[in-house]
Each structure stands twice: as C-alpha cells, then as structure tokens.
PDB file of N, CA and C in Angstrom:
ATOM      1  N   MET A   1     -40.140  30.437 -28.906  1.00  0.00           N
ATOM      2  CA  MET A   1     -39.052  30.110 -29.405  1.00  0.00           C
ATOM      3  C   MET A   1     -37.612  29.734 -27.945  1.00  0.00           C
ATOM      4  N   THR A   2     -38.524  28.636 -27.674  1.00  0.00           N
ATOM      5  CA  THR A   2     -37.533  28.032 -26.201  1.00  0.00           C
ATOM      6  C   THR A   2     -36.270  27.381 -27.135  1.00  0.00           C
ATOM      7  N   LYS A   3     -35.337  27.090 -25.643  1.00  0.00           N
ATOM      8  CA  LYS A   3     -33.806  26.573 -25.566  1.00  0.00           C
ATOM      9  C   LYS A   3     -33.626  25.622 -26.608  1.00  0.00           C
ATOM     10  N   LYS A   4     -32.107  24.927 -26.875  1.00  0.00           N
ATOM     11  CA  LYS A   4     -32.690  23.465 -26.464  1.00  0.00           C
ATOM     12  C   LYS A   4     -31.527  23.306 -25.830  1.00  0.00           C
ATOM     13  N   GLU A   5     -31.144  22.274 -24.697  1.00  0.00           N
ATOM     14  CA  GLU A   5     -31.119  21.417 -24.066  1.00  0.00           C
ATOM     15  C   GLU A   5     -29.774  21.176 -24.417  1.00  0.00           C
ATOM     16  N   LYS A   6     -28.369  21.169 -23.903  1.00  0.00           N
ATOM     17  CA  LYS A   6     -27.197  20.791 -24.329  1.00  0.00           C
ATOM     18  C   LYS A   6     -26.786  19.581 -24.470  1.00  0.00           C
ATOM     19  N   LEU A   7     -26.589  18.518 -25.517  1.00  0.00           N
ATOM     20  CA  LEU A   7     -26.778  17.389 -25.470  1.00  0.00           C
ATOM     21  C   LEU A   7     -25.390  16.744 -25.056  1.00  0.00           C
ATOM     22  N   GLN A   8     -24.947  15.748 -24.787  1.00  0.00           N
ATOM     23  CA  GLN A   8     -23.786  15.082 -23.731  1.00  0.00           C
ATOM     24  C   GLN A   8     -22.775  14.948 -25.267  1.00  0.00           C
ATOM     25  N   LYS A   9     -21.506  15.163 -25.517  1.00  0.00           N
ATOM     26  CA  LYS A   9     -20.513  15.472 -26.130  1.00  0.00           C
ATOM     27  C   LYS A   9     -20.276  14.026 -26.315  1.00  0.00           C
ATOM     28  N   VAL A  10     -19.679  13.528 -25.025  1.00  0.00           N
ATOM     29  CA  VAL A  10     -19.089  11.586 -24.758  1.00  0.00           C
ATOM     30  C   VAL A  10     -20.306  11.101 -25.621  1.00  0.00           C
ATOM     31  N   LYS A  11     -20.048   9.711 -26.000  1.00  0.00           N
ATOM     32  CA  LYS A  11     -20.751   8.993 -26.620  1.00  0.00           C
ATOM     33  C   LYS A  11     -20.212   7.031 -25.857  1.00  0.00           C
ATOM     34  N   PHE A  12     -21.137   7.514 -24.759  1.00  0.00           N
ATOM     35  CA  PHE A  12     -21.019   5.583 -24.316  1.00  0.00           C
ATOM     36  C   PHE A  12     -21.302   4.291 -24.536  1.00  0.00           C
ATOM     37  N   ARG A  13     -20.735   3.095 -25.541  1.00  0.00           N
ATOM     38  CA  ARG A  13     -21.078   2.551 -25.903  1.00  0.00           C
ATOM     39  C   ARG A  13     -21.117   0.971 -24.336  1.00  0.00           C
ATOM     40  N   LYS A  14     -21.496  -0.048 -25.296  1.00  0.00           N
ATOM     41  CA  LYS A  14     -21.395  -0.932 -24.601  1.00  0.00           C
ATOM     42  C   LYS A  14     -20.551  -1.121 -23.494  1.00  0.00           C
ATOM     43  N   GLY A  15     -19.547  -1.350 -24.046  1.00  0.00           N
ATOM     44  CA  GLY A  15     -18.547  -1.972 -23.373  1.00  0.00           C
ATOM     45  C   GLY A  15     -17.611  -0.949 -22.707  1.00  0.00           C
ATOM     46  N   ASP A  16     -18.281   0.201 -22.508  1.00  0.00           N
ATOM     47  CA  ASP A  16     -17.014   1.771 -22.421  1.00  0.00           C
ATOM     48  C   ASP A  16     -17.728   1.145 -20.509  1.00  0.00           C
ATOM     49  N   ARG A  17     -15.879   0.955 -19.905  1.00  0.00           N
ATOM     50  CA  ARG A  17     -16.281   1.132 -18.068  1.00  0.00           C
ATOM     51  C   ARG A  17     -16.609   2.539 -18.034  1.00  0.00           C
ATOM     52  N   ARG A  18     -17.466   2.140 -17.137  1.00  0.00           N
ATOM     53  CA  ARG A  18     -17.236   4.555 -16.377  1.00  0.00           C
ATOM     54  C   ARG A  18     -16.167   4.714 -15.236  1.00  0.00           C
ATOM     55  N   PRO A  19     -15.956   5.767 -14.985  1.00  0.00           N
ATOM     56  CA  PRO A  19     -15.318   5.519 -13.288  1.00  0.00           C
ATOM     57  C   PRO A  19     -15.687   5.758 -12.243  1.00  0.00           C
ATOM     58  N   ARG A  20     -15.093   4.786 -11.388  1.00  0.00           N
ATOM     59  CA  ARG A  20     -15.365   5.038 -10.111  1.00  0.00           C
ATOM     60  C   ARG A  20     -15.587   5.684  -9.195  1.00  0.00           C
ATOM     61  N   SER A  21     -16.850   5.847  -8.719  1.00  0.00           N
ATOM     62  CA  SER A  21     -17.557   6.750  -7.663  1.00  0.00           C
ATOM     63  C   SER A  21     -17.034   6.960  -6.448  1.00  0.00           C
ATOM     64  N   ASP A  22     -16.562   5.363  -5.861  1.00  0.00           N
ATOM     65  CA  ASP A  22     -15.950   5.455  -4.180  1.00  0.00           C
ATOM     66  C   ASP A  22     -14.279   5.279  -4.514  1.00  0.00           C
ATOM     67  N   TYR A  23     -13.853   5.105  -3.439  1.00  0.00           N
ATOM     68  CA  TYR A  23     -12.134   4.653  -4.274  1.00  0.00           C
ATOM     69  C   TYR A  23     -11.961   4.550  -3.173  1.00  0.00           C
ATOM     70  N   PRO A  24     -10.936   2.596  -2.910  1.00  0.00           N
ATOM     71  CA  PRO A  24     -10.533   2.303  -1.371  1.00  0.00           C
ATOM     72  C   PRO A  24     -10.110   2.856  -0.973  1.00  0.00           C
ATOM     73  N   ASN A  25      -9.819   2.690   0.354  1.00  0.00           N
ATOM     74  CA  ASN A  25      -9.262   4.024   1.490  1.00  0.00           C
ATOM     75  C   ASN A  25      -7.590   2.924   1.948  1.00  0.00           C
ATOM     76  N   LEU A  26      -6.876   3.601   1.512  1.00  0.00           N
ATOM     77  CA  LEU A  26      -5.671   3.042   1.134  1.00  0.00           C
ATOM     78  C   LEU A  26      -5.142   3.787   2.849  1.00  0.00           C
ATOM     79  N   SER A  27      -3.829   3.097   2.909  1.00  0.00           N
ATOM     80  CA  SER A  27      -2.623   2.991   4.642  1.00  0.00           C
ATOM     81  C   SER A  27      -2.048   2.989   4.261  1.00  0.00           C
ATOM     82  N   TYR A  28      -0.753   3.002   5.282  1.00  0.00           N
ATOM     83  CA  TYR A  28       0.287   2.299   4.585  1.00  0.00           C
ATOM     84  C   TYR A  28       1.334   2.256   6.098  1.00  0.00           C
ATOM     85  N   GLU A  29       2.275   1.683   5.772  1.00  0.00           N
ATOM     86  CA  GLU A  29       2.207   1.121   6.948  1.00  0.00           C
ATOM     87  C   GLU A  29       4.302   0.499   7.173  1.00  0.00           C
ATOM     88  N   LYS A  30       4.172   0.243   7.168  1.00  0.00           N
ATOM     89  CA  LYS A  30       5.917   0.156   7.708  1.00  0.00           C
ATOM     90  C   LYS A  30       6.610  -0.763   9.027  1.00  0.00           C
ATOM     91  N   LYS A  31       7.214  -1.434   8.611  1.00  0.00           N
ATOM     92  CA  LYS A  31       7.665  -3.013   8.931  1.00  0.00           C
ATOM     93  C   LYS A  31       9.325  -3.276   8.951  1.00  0.00           C
ATOM     94  N   MET A  32       9.663  -3.938  10.252  1.00  0.00           N
ATOM     95  CA  MET A  32      10.810  -3.910   9.758  1.00  0.00           C
ATOM     96  C   MET A  32      11.696  -5.614   9.707  1.00  0.00           C
ATOM     97  N   LYS A  33      12.314  -5.839   9.023  1.00  0.00           N
ATOM     98  CA  LYS A  33      12.239  -7.019   8.311  1.00  0.00           C
ATOM     99  C   LYS A  33      14.142  -7.115   8.623  1.00  0.00           C
ATOM    100  N   LYS A  34      14.450  -8.689   8.683  1.00  0.00           N
ATOM    101  CA  LYS A  34      16.151  -8.533   8.460  1.00  0.00           C
ATOM    102  C   LYS A  34      16.827  -9.658   8.085  1.00  0.00           C
ATOM    103  N   LYS A  35      18.204  -8.910   7.023  1.00  0.00           N
ATOM    104  CA  LYS A  35      17.837  -9.527   5.861  1.00  0.00           C
ATOM    105  C   LYS A  35      19.684 -10.038   6.639  1.00  0.00           C
ATOM    106  N   GLY A  36      20.248 -10.689   6.667  1.00  0.00           N
ATOM    107  CA  GLY A  36      21.030 -11.137   6.941  1.00  0.00           C
ATOM    108  C   GLY A  36      21.962 -10.441   7.869  1.00  0.00           C
ATOM    109  N   LYS A  37      22.023  -9.837   8.066  1.00  0.00           N
ATOM    110  CA  LYS A  37      23.013  -9.189   9.123  1.00  0.00           C
ATOM    111  C   LYS A  37      22.562  -7.401   9.582  1.00  0.00           C
ATOM    112  N   ASP A  38      22.038  -7.286   8.301  1.00  0.00           N
ATOM    113  CA  ASP A  38      21.379  -5.210   8.253  1.00  0.00           C
ATOM    114  C   ASP A  38      20.371  -6.417   8.605  1.00  0.00           C
ATOM    115  N   ILE A  39      19.273  -4.517   9.192  1.00  0.00           N
ATOM    116  CA  ILE A  39      17.810  -4.394   9.754  1.00  0.00           C
ATOM    117  C   ILE A  39      17.496  -3.539   8.808  1.00  0.00           C
ATOM    118  N   ILE A  40      16.553  -3.428   7.630  1.00  0.00           N
ATOM    119  CA  ILE A  40      15.762  -3.028   6.798  1.00  0.00           C
ATOM    120  C   ILE A  40      14.075  -2.871   6.970  1.00  0.00           C
ATOM    121  N   TRP A  41      13.871  -1.728   7.036  1.00  0.00           N
ATOM    122  CA  TRP A  41      13.070  -1.096   6.870  1.00  0.00           C
ATOM    123  C   TRP A  41      12.347  -1.401   5.418  1.00  0.00           C
ATOM    124  N   GLN A  42      10.282  -1.311   5.587  1.00  0.00           N
ATOM    125  CA  GLN A  42      10.038  -2.082   4.241  1.00  0.00           C
ATOM    126  C   GLN A  42       8.669  -1.362   4.589  1.00  0.00           C
ATOM    127  N   VAL A  43       8.230  -0.700   3.422  1.00  0.00           N
ATOM    128  CA  VAL A  43       6.815  -0.014   3.788  1.00  0.00           C
ATOM    129  C   VAL A  43       5.829  -0.130   2.284  1.00  0.00           C
ATOM    130  N   TYR A  44       4.969  -1.160   3.522  1.00  0.00           N
ATOM    131  CA  TYR A  44       3.811  -1.401   2.596  1.00  0.00           C
ATOM    132  C   TYR A  44       2.330  -0.908   2.578  1.00  0.00           C
ATOM    133  N   GLU A  45       1.942  -1.055   1.733  1.00  0.00           N
ATOM    134  CA  GLU A  45       0.659  -0.283   0.712  1.00  0.00           C
ATOM    135  C   GLU A  45      -0.665  -1.478   0.895  1.00  0.00           C
ATOM    136  N   ARG A  46      -1.399  -0.523   2.162  1.00  0.00           N
ATOM    137  CA  ARG A  46      -3.177  -1.638   2.149  1.00  0.00           C
ATOM    138  C   ARG A  46      -3.848  -1.529   1.539  1.00  0.00           C
ATOM    139  N   PRO A  47      -5.751  -1.370   1.624  1.00  0.00           N
ATOM    140  CA  PRO A  47      -5.296  -2.914   1.059  1.00  0.00           C
ATOM    141  C   PRO A  47      -4.749  -3.375   0.823  1.00  0.00           C
ATOM    142  N   THR A  48      -3.893  -3.592  -0.815  1.00  0.00           N
ATOM    143  CA  THR A  48      -3.734  -4.178  -1.849  1.00  0.00           C
ATOM    144  C   THR A  48      -1.590  -5.455  -1.445  1.00  0.00           C
ATOM    145  N   ASN A  49      -1.591  -5.126  -0.573  1.00  0.00           N
ATOM    146  CA  ASN A  49      -0.278  -5.389   0.486  1.00  0.00           C
ATOM    147  C   ASN A  49       0.540  -5.585  -0.170  1.00  0.00           C
ATOM    148  N   ASN A  50       1.289  -4.388  -1.120  1.00  0.00           N
ATOM    149  CA  ASN A  50       2.218  -3.659  -2.147  1.00  0.00           C
ATOM    150  C   ASN A  50       3.259  -3.666  -0.681  1.00  0.00           C
ATOM    151  N   MET A  51       4.599  -4.097  -1.313  1.00  0.00           N
ATOM    152  CA  MET A  51       5.846  -3.448  -0.832  1.00  0.00           C
ATOM    153  C   MET A  51       6.133  -2.929  -2.048  1.00  0.00           C
ATOM    154  N   ILE A  52       6.563  -0.803  -1.503  1.00  0.00           N
ATOM    155  CA  ILE A  52       6.513   0.013  -1.816  1.00  0.00           C
ATOM    156  C   ILE A  52       7.981   0.330  -2.446  1.00  0.00           C
ATOM    157  N   ALA A  53       8.661   1.014  -1.029  1.00  0.00           N
ATOM    158  CA  ALA A  53       9.793   1.626  -0.420  1.00  0.00           C
ATOM    159  C   ALA A  53      10.587   0.308   0.346  1.00  0.00           C
ATOM    160  N   GLU A  54      11.979   0.440   0.278  1.00  0.00           N
ATOM    161  CA  GLU A  54      13.111  -0.614   1.417  1.00  0.00           C
ATOM    162  C   GLU A  54      14.423   0.603   2.228  1.00  0.00           C
ATOM    163  N   TYR A  55      13.423   0.896   2.854  1.00  0.00           N
ATOM    164  CA  TYR A  55      14.686   1.833   3.925  1.00  0.00           C
ATOM    165  C   TYR A  55      15.856   0.939   4.683  1.00  0.00           C
ATOM    166  N   PHE A  56      17.233   2.288   4.708  1.00  0.00           N
ATOM    167  CA  PHE A  56      18.162   1.381   5.508  1.00  0.00           C
ATOM    168  C   PHE A  56      17.522   2.534   6.914  1.00  0.00           C
ATOM    169  N   PHE A  57      17.168   3.230   6.614  1.00  0.00           N
ATOM    170  CA  PHE A  57      16.681   4.012   8.789  1.00  0.00           C
ATOM    171  C   PHE A  57      15.294   4.359   8.802  1.00  0.00           C
ATOM    172  N   GLU A  58      15.248   4.061   9.870  1.00  0.00           N
ATOM    173  CA  GLU A  58      13.965   3.810  10.925  1.00  0.00           C
ATOM    174  C   GLU A  58      12.587   5.222   9.556  1.00  0.00           C
ATOM    175  N   GLU A  59      13.835   5.974  10.287  1.00  0.00           N
ATOM    176  CA  GLU A  59      13.528   7.915   9.743  1.00  0.00           C
ATOM    177  C   GLU A  59      12.954   7.640   8.571  1.00  0.00           C
ATOM    178  N   ASP A  60      13.656   6.852   7.274  1.00  0.00           N
ATOM    179  CA  ASP A  60      13.566   7.322   5.821  1.00  0.00           C
ATOM    180  C   ASP A  60      11.953   7.180   5.386  1.00  0.00           C
ATOM    181  N   ALA A  61      11.958   6.031   6.476  1.00  0.00           N
ATOM    182  CA  ALA A  61      10.651   4.960   5.769  1.00  0.00           C
ATOM    183  C   ALA A  61       9.565   6.079   6.200  1.00  0.00           C
ATOM    184  N   HIS A  62      10.273   5.627   8.073  1.00  0.00           N
ATOM    185  CA  HIS A  62       8.723   7.369   8.792  1.00  0.00           C
ATOM    186  C   HIS A  62       8.022   8.229   7.780  1.00  0.00           C
ATOM    187  N   LYS A  63       8.858   8.641   7.372  1.00  0.00           N
ATOM    188  CA  LYS A  63       8.562  10.296   6.575  1.00  0.00           C
ATOM    189  C   LYS A  63       7.912   9.773   5.292  1.00  0.00           C
ATOM    190  N   LEU A  64       8.171   8.142   4.610  1.00  0.00           N
ATOM    191  CA  LEU A  64       7.360   8.499   3.659  1.00  0.00           C
ATOM    192  C   LEU A  64       5.609   7.516   4.036  1.00  0.00           C
ATOM    193  N   VAL A  65       6.015   6.834   4.732  1.00  0.00           N
ATOM    194  CA  VAL A  65       4.034   6.563   5.864  1.00  0.00           C
ATOM    195  C   VAL A  65       4.166   7.439   5.838  1.00  0.00           C
ATOM    196  N   LYS A  66       3.382   8.760   6.432  1.00  0.00           N
ATOM    197  CA  LYS A  66       3.545   9.128   7.356  1.00  0.00           C
ATOM    198  C   LYS A  66       2.454  10.775   5.723  1.00  0.00           C
ATOM    199  N   PHE A  67       3.604  10.841   4.595  1.00  0.00           N
ATOM    200  CA  PHE A  67       3.552  11.502   3.855  1.00  0.00           C
ATOM    201  C   PHE A  67       2.442  10.498   3.212  1.00  0.00           C
ATOM    202  N   GLN A  68       2.445   9.525   2.408  1.00  0.00           N
ATOM    203  CA  GLN A  68       1.074   9.345   1.991  1.00  0.00           C
ATOM    204  C   GLN A  68       0.814   9.027   2.769  1.00  0.00           C
ATOM    205  N   ASN A  69       0.414   8.325   3.634  1.00  0.00           N
ATOM    206  CA  ASN A  69      -0.538   8.496   4.421  1.00  0.00           C
ATOM    207  C   ASN A  69      -1.828   9.871   4.316  1.00  0.00           C
ATOM    208  N   LYS A  70      -1.352  10.934   4.464  1.00  0.00           N
ATOM    209  CA  LYS A  70      -1.503  12.071   4.240  1.00  0.00           C
ATOM    210  C   LYS A  70      -2.207  12.964   3.129  1.00  0.00           C
ATOM    211  N   THR A  71      -1.641  12.517   2.476  1.00  0.00           N
ATOM    212  CA  THR A  71      -2.081  13.319   1.345  1.00  0.00           C
ATOM    213  C   THR A  71      -2.542  11.816  -0.052  1.00  0.00           C
ATOM    214  N   GLN A  72      -2.558  10.418   0.081  1.00  0.00           N
ATOM    215  CA  GLN A  72      -2.832   9.994  -0.348  1.00  0.00           C
ATOM    216  C   GLN A  72      -3.250   9.924  -2.172  1.00  0.00           C
ATOM    217  N   VAL A  73      -2.133  10.599  -2.857  1.00  0.00           N
ATOM    218  CA  VAL A  73      -1.302  10.755  -3.700  1.00  0.00           C
ATOM    219  C   VAL A  73      -1.793   9.424  -5.397  1.00  0.00           C
ATOM    220  N   TRP A  74      -2.020   8.049  -4.796  1.00  0.00           N
ATOM    221  CA  TRP A  74      -1.993   7.424  -5.050  1.00  0.00           C
ATOM    222  C   TRP A  74      -3.856   6.605  -5.256  1.00  0.00           C
ATOM    223  N   LYS A  75      -4.158   7.449  -4.593  1.00  0.00           N
ATOM    224  CA  LYS A  75      -5.761   7.104  -4.242  1.00  0.00           C
ATOM    225  C   LYS A  75      -6.800   6.682  -5.350  1.00  0.00           C
ATOM    226  N   ASN A  76      -7.486   7.686  -6.110  1.00  0.00           N
ATOM    227  CA  ASN A  76      -7.697   7.707  -7.381  1.00  0.00           C
ATOM    228  C   ASN A  76      -7.415   6.549  -7.736  1.00  0.00           C
ATOM    229  N   SER A  77      -6.467   6.398  -8.423  1.00  0.00           N
ATOM    230  CA  SER A  77      -6.208   4.968  -9.600  1.00  0.00           C
ATOM    231  C   SER A  77      -5.699   3.383  -8.868  1.00  0.00           C
ATOM    232  N   GLY A  78      -6.177   3.647  -7.531  1.00  0.00           N
ATOM    233  CA  GLY A  78      -6.380   2.026  -6.544  1.00  0.00           C
ATOM    234  C   GLY A  78      -5.470   1.408  -5.736  1.00  0.00           C
ATOM    235  N   GLY A  79      -3.932   2.382  -5.585  1.00  0.00           N
ATOM    236  CA  GLY A  79      -2.914   1.957  -5.972  1.00  0.00           C
ATOM    237  C   GLY A  79      -1.876   2.600  -6.427  1.00  0.00           C
ATOM    238  N   ILE A  80      -0.835   2.072  -5.389  1.00  0.00           N
ATOM    239  CA  ILE A  80       0.521   2.743  -6.681  1.00  0.00           C
ATOM    240  C   ILE A  80       0.200   1.988  -7.440  1.00  0.00           C
ATOM    241  N   PRO A  81       0.874   2.681  -8.985  1.00  0.00           N
ATOM    242  CA  PRO A  81       1.177   1.907 -10.376  1.00  0.00           C
ATOM    243  C   PRO A  81       2.272   0.467 -10.233  1.00  0.00           C
ATOM    244  N   LYS A  82       1.749  -0.802 -11.121  1.00  0.00           N
ATOM    245  CA  LYS A  82       2.070  -1.890 -10.965  1.00  0.00           C
ATOM    246  C   LYS A  82       4.247  -1.903 -11.341  1.00  0.00           C
ATOM    247  N   PHE A  83       4.791  -1.438 -11.625  1.00  0.00           N
ATOM    248  CA  PHE A  83       5.375  -0.737 -12.076  1.00  0.00           C
ATOM    249  C   PHE A  83       6.961  -0.575 -11.113  1.00  0.00           C
ATOM    250  N   LEU A  84       6.100   0.231 -10.031  1.00  0.00           N
ATOM    251  CA  LEU A  84       6.284   1.204  -9.288  1.00  0.00           C
ATOM    252  C   LEU A  84       6.615   0.226  -8.023  1.00  0.00           C
ATOM    253  N   TRP A  85       6.571  -0.488  -8.412  1.00  0.00           N
ATOM    254  CA  TRP A  85       5.978  -1.910  -6.061  1.00  0.00           C
ATOM    255  C   TRP A  85       7.715  -2.552  -7.026  1.00  0.00           C
ATOM    256  N   ILE A  86       7.648  -2.977  -5.354  1.00  0.00           N
ATOM    257  CA  ILE A  86       9.101  -3.644  -5.320  1.00  0.00           C
ATOM    258  C   ILE A  86       9.065  -5.030  -5.307  1.00  0.00           C
ATOM    259  N   ARG A  87       8.948  -5.903  -5.654  1.00  0.00           N
ATOM    260  CA  ARG A  87       8.518  -7.612  -5.964  1.00  0.00           C
ATOM    261  C   ARG A  87       9.986  -7.956  -5.618  1.00  0.00           C
ATOM    262  N   VAL A  88       9.712  -9.656  -4.226  1.00  0.00           N
ATOM    263  CA  VAL A  88      10.744  -9.083  -3.884  1.00  0.00           C
ATOM    264  C   VAL A  88      10.893 -11.219  -4.080  1.00  0.00           C
TER     265      VAL A  88
END
C-alpha cells in the first residue's frame, strides 16, 4: 500500500489574490526644502514618491535614508503604509 500524498489545506477561490512573487525595488532619498526662513530636509520613498519624514538637521535625514536603503523594511508591503506618510 502506498502513502497518500498530502493535499493542500488552503483552498483558493476564483477571486482570491495570490502573494506577489517579485517586489518593487525601493530607494530613499533626502531633499532640501526651504520653508520661510527655515531649511527642512525631507525624506522621499521612490518609486512611490511619498514623503515619509521631515527633519531640521541633515544628519537625521541621512540616518533614516541610510537605514531604509540598507534594510528595506517595507519592501514586502510595496512601500510604507499610507497612514505613515506625511501629507503636504
């Protein structure tokens, strides 16, 4: 008697979405912007073009850019979630 093959437990329906096999390449960059007399450093996510942070000091913005480019924390989600964006 042969062993029966194990069946897939998850049933996919016609309208179900499957997980992505490839994720977009994300990159982060900082840009300088002048607001009144102040200089503000903004961090943008590419290719989604979302502003994710604003800093008064360039070093703080650079730290975030360096960390996000290295670890790509939000890559599997397709970018940073909408509730974490900064809206202008």
